[in-house]
Amino acid sequence: MEYNTQLKKLALPEYGRNIQNMVDHCLTIPERDERKRCANTIINIMGNMFPHLRDVNDFKHILWDHLAIMADFKLDIDYPYEIIKKEDLFSKPDKLDYSRPDMKYRHYGKTLEKMAKMAGDIEDPVEKEQFVLLVATHMKKSYIQWNKDVEDQKIFVDLYELSDKKIDVRGSDLKLPEMKELGQRNNNNNNNNGKKNNQKKK
C-alpha cells in the first residue's frame, strides 16, 4: 500500500493528487492533438474546482500557467497563452524603492515642512502673517502629539530652520493658541457638525 508521503511531492498541492495524475498521463500521450484535448479537459476540471475565482482577471491564463508548472514545463502543446517561464518561478522580485522623504523634523511631517518653505515665499505681508500663524499653529499641534508640552519659541526656532531662515519670528510677540483652546475648538466644530447632520436627518 502506498501512502501520499511516499509519492513524489506535488508541484501545486491545492489541486490534489488526482489532477497531478491526470497531468502526468497527459505527458505520456504521443499524439499532439490528443494531448491538447486532454490538457483542455484538465483545465476545465481545474476551473471547476475553484468556481469562486472565475471573475478574477486572467483566470484561464493562471490555470494554464499552473498546468505548465504541474507538468514541469514538459508538456508539448500549443498553449493559448504565453505561459510563465520556469526560471521566473525561482527568480527574486525586484527590490522595491520605498519613499524616504528627507525631513529635518519627522514629527512635523513632510507637508508642514513644505508649507513652511511656502510661507517664506509669500510677498503680501498680511497674507504672509496669516499663513505663518497657520503653519506655526499646526506645527505646535503636531509637536504635542509626541511631547506633552512645548514653548512657542521652540516652534518659532523650528519654523526658522524649516523656512530656510526666511521666517524669523523668534523673540517676537506672536502668540500661538494654547492646545486646550485648540482642543475646545475641535470639540465645538465636531458638535456643530453633529448638530448639522442631525438636522439634515430630520
Protein backbone atom coordinates (compact mmCIF):
# COMPACT_ATOMS: atom_id res chain seq x y z
CA MET A 1 0.00 0.00 0.00
CA GLU A 2 1.36 3.41 -0.98
CA TYR A 3 0.97 6.48 1.18
CA ASN A 4 0.95 10.02 -0.16
CA THR A 5 4.08 10.75 1.86
CA GLN A 6 5.85 8.07 -0.20
CA LEU A 7 4.81 9.57 -3.53
CA LYS A 8 6.54 12.40 -5.33
CA LYS A 9 5.95 15.88 -4.00
CA LEU A 10 3.07 17.75 -5.63
CA ALA A 11 4.05 20.88 -7.51
CA LEU A 12 0.73 22.55 -6.61
CA PRO A 13 -0.85 20.69 -3.68
CA GLU A 14 -4.04 22.72 -3.85
CA TYR A 15 -5.11 20.74 -6.93
CA GLY A 16 -4.59 17.38 -5.28
CA ARG A 17 -3.05 14.09 -6.35
CA ASN A 18 -5.76 13.19 -8.89
CA ILE A 19 -5.18 16.29 -11.01
CA GLN A 20 -1.43 15.67 -10.87
CA ASN A 21 -2.02 12.12 -12.09
CA MET A 22 -4.07 13.47 -15.00
CA VAL A 23 -1.25 15.84 -15.92
CA ASP A 24 1.27 13.01 -15.72
CA HIS A 25 -0.95 10.92 -18.01
CA CYS A 26 -1.27 13.82 -20.45
CA LEU A 27 2.52 13.90 -20.76
CA THR A 28 2.54 10.30 -21.97
CA ILE A 29 0.07 10.82 -24.85
CA PRO A 30 2.04 10.59 -28.11
CA GLU A 31 -0.39 12.43 -30.43
CA ARG A 32 -0.10 16.22 -30.15
CA ASP A 33 -3.78 16.92 -30.87
CA GLU A 34 -4.86 14.32 -28.33
CA ARG A 35 -2.52 15.85 -25.75
CA LYS A 36 -4.13 19.25 -26.36
CA ARG A 37 -7.64 17.81 -25.91
CA CYS A 38 -6.53 16.16 -22.71
CA ALA A 39 -4.99 19.43 -21.48
CA ASN A 40 -8.24 21.30 -22.23
CA THR A 41 -10.18 18.73 -20.21
CA ILE A 42 -7.79 19.10 -17.28
CA ILE A 43 -8.09 22.91 -17.44
CA ASN A 44 -11.90 22.64 -17.26
CA ILE A 45 -11.70 20.36 -14.24
CA MET A 46 -9.21 22.68 -12.54
CA GLY A 47 -11.51 25.64 -13.17
CA ASN A 48 -14.50 23.80 -11.69
CA MET A 49 -12.53 23.24 -8.50
CA PHE A 50 -12.42 26.99 -7.83
CA PRO A 51 -15.64 28.46 -9.28
CA HIS A 52 -15.45 31.48 -6.96
CA LEU A 53 -12.30 32.62 -8.77
CA ARG A 54 -13.84 32.75 -12.23
CA ASP A 55 -14.26 36.52 -12.00
CA VAL A 56 -10.55 37.00 -11.32
CA ASN A 57 -8.71 38.71 -14.17
CA ASP A 58 -6.83 36.27 -16.40
CA PHE A 59 -8.30 33.29 -14.54
CA LYS A 60 -7.85 31.00 -17.58
CA HIS A 61 -4.32 32.26 -18.08
CA ILE A 62 -3.49 31.41 -14.47
CA LEU A 63 -4.86 27.87 -14.94
CA TRP A 64 -2.66 27.28 -17.98
CA ASP A 65 0.34 28.55 -16.04
CA HIS A 66 -0.50 26.10 -13.27
CA LEU A 67 -0.84 23.26 -15.76
CA ALA A 68 2.61 24.03 -17.15
CA ILE A 69 4.06 24.06 -13.63
CA MET A 70 2.48 20.71 -12.74
CA ALA A 71 3.86 19.29 -15.99
CA ASP A 72 7.30 20.60 -15.05
CA PHE A 73 7.17 22.61 -18.30
CA LYS A 74 7.48 19.40 -20.32
CA LEU A 75 4.00 19.39 -21.85
CA ASP A 76 4.48 19.91 -25.57
CA ILE A 77 1.28 21.60 -26.76
CA ASP A 78 0.19 24.88 -28.31
CA TYR A 79 -0.74 26.93 -25.25
CA PRO A 80 -3.48 29.54 -25.76
CA TYR A 81 -1.45 31.99 -23.68
CA GLU A 82 2.17 32.82 -23.18
CA ILE A 83 2.89 30.78 -20.08
CA ILE A 84 5.20 31.60 -17.23
CA LYS A 85 8.84 30.63 -17.69
CA LYS A 86 10.43 28.10 -15.38
CA GLU A 87 13.27 30.43 -14.45
CA ASP A 88 10.77 33.10 -13.38
CA LEU A 89 9.42 30.81 -10.67
CA PHE A 90 12.65 30.95 -8.73
CA SER A 91 13.80 34.48 -9.51
CA LYS A 92 13.68 37.03 -6.73
CA PRO A 93 11.39 40.02 -7.27
CA ASP A 94 12.97 43.39 -7.90
CA LYS A 95 13.71 45.39 -4.80
CA LEU A 96 11.04 47.99 -4.06
CA ASP A 97 12.23 51.54 -3.69
CA TYR A 98 10.38 52.91 -0.70
CA SER A 99 9.84 56.61 -0.40
CA ARG A 100 12.26 58.02 2.14
CA PRO A 101 11.43 61.71 2.36
CA ASP A 102 14.27 63.87 3.58
CA MET A 103 12.81 65.64 6.61
CA LYS A 104 14.58 67.70 9.23
CA TYR A 105 11.92 67.06 11.87
CA ARG A 106 9.86 63.93 11.30
CA HIS A 107 7.28 64.84 13.94
CA TYR A 108 6.10 67.72 11.75
CA GLY A 109 5.79 65.65 8.60
CA LYS A 110 6.65 66.45 5.01
CA THR A 111 3.57 68.56 4.32
CA LEU A 112 4.23 71.03 7.13
CA GLU A 113 7.84 71.37 6.04
CA LYS A 114 6.66 72.25 2.53
CA MET A 115 4.18 74.77 3.95
CA ALA A 116 6.96 76.40 5.99
CA LYS A 117 9.01 76.86 2.83
CA MET A 118 5.96 78.25 1.02
CA ALA A 119 5.43 80.80 3.80
CA GLY A 120 8.87 82.24 3.17
CA ASP A 121 7.99 82.97 -0.47
CA ILE A 122 4.74 84.85 0.14
CA GLU A 123 5.13 88.54 -0.74
CA ASP A 124 1.89 90.05 0.58
CA PRO A 125 2.61 90.95 4.26
CA VAL A 126 -0.93 90.40 5.52
CA GLU A 127 -1.30 87.06 3.75
CA LYS A 128 2.17 86.07 4.92
CA GLU A 129 1.39 86.87 8.56
CA GLN A 130 -1.81 84.81 8.46
CA PHE A 131 -0.10 81.90 6.73
CA VAL A 132 2.82 81.93 9.19
CA LEU A 133 0.37 81.81 12.10
CA LEU A 134 -1.47 78.92 10.47
CA VAL A 135 1.72 76.94 9.84
CA ALA A 136 3.13 77.61 13.31
CA THR A 137 -0.15 76.59 14.95
CA HIS A 138 -0.21 73.28 13.07
CA MET A 139 3.44 72.72 13.95
CA LYS A 140 2.55 73.15 17.63
CA LYS A 141 -0.34 70.70 17.30
CA SER A 142 1.94 68.16 15.62
CA TYR A 143 4.69 68.69 18.20
CA ILE A 144 2.49 67.95 21.23
CA GLN A 145 1.40 64.66 19.71
CA TRP A 146 4.92 63.47 20.57
CA ASN A 147 5.56 65.70 23.59
CA LYS A 148 3.25 66.82 26.37
CA ASP A 149 4.06 70.50 26.08
CA VAL A 150 6.15 72.93 24.06
CA GLU A 151 7.10 76.60 24.30
CA ASP A 152 6.10 78.79 21.38
CA GLN A 153 9.71 79.89 20.96
CA LYS A 154 10.70 76.30 20.20
CA ILE A 155 8.16 76.28 17.38
CA PHE A 156 9.50 79.60 16.09
CA VAL A 157 13.07 78.28 16.07
CA ASP A 158 11.99 75.19 14.10
CA LEU A 159 9.96 77.35 11.71
CA TYR A 160 13.04 79.47 11.10
CA GLU A 161 15.01 76.36 10.13
CA LEU A 162 12.24 74.81 8.03
CA SER A 163 11.65 78.02 6.06
CA ASP A 164 15.32 78.14 5.06
CA LYS A 165 15.72 81.03 7.54
CA LYS A 166 13.18 83.20 5.69
CA ILE A 167 10.62 83.29 8.50
CA ASP A 168 12.07 84.72 11.69
CA VAL A 169 9.54 85.31 14.46
CA ARG A 170 11.95 84.34 17.22
CA GLY A 171 11.66 86.68 20.15
CA SER A 172 8.52 88.27 18.66
CA ASP A 173 5.25 88.91 20.45
CA LEU A 174 3.48 86.35 18.24
CA LYS A 175 1.33 84.16 20.47
CA LEU A 176 0.16 80.75 19.37
CA PRO A 177 -3.13 79.32 20.68
CA GLU A 178 -2.94 77.11 23.73
CA MET A 179 -3.54 73.47 23.00
CA LYS A 180 -6.55 73.47 25.32
CA GLU A 181 -8.06 76.18 23.17
CA LEU A 182 -7.38 74.15 20.04
CA GLY A 183 -8.98 71.09 21.61
CA GLN A 184 -12.01 73.14 22.61
CA ARG A 185 -12.33 74.48 19.05
CA ASN A 186 -12.16 70.98 17.63
CA ASN A 187 -14.83 69.80 20.06
CA ASN A 188 -17.06 72.74 19.14
CA ASN A 189 -16.59 72.03 15.45
CA ASN A 190 -17.43 68.37 15.98
CA ASN A 191 -20.53 69.29 17.99
CA ASN A 192 -21.66 71.76 15.33
CA ASN A 193 -21.14 69.17 12.60
CA GLY A 194 -23.13 66.67 14.63
CA LYS A 195 -26.00 69.12 15.03
CA LYS A 196 -26.00 69.85 11.30
CA ASN A 197 -26.12 66.15 10.49
CA ASN A 198 -28.98 65.60 12.91
CA GLN A 199 -30.89 68.49 11.36
CA LYS A 200 -30.40 67.02 7.92
CA LYS A 201 -31.75 63.66 9.10
CA LYS A 202 -34.87 65.36 10.45
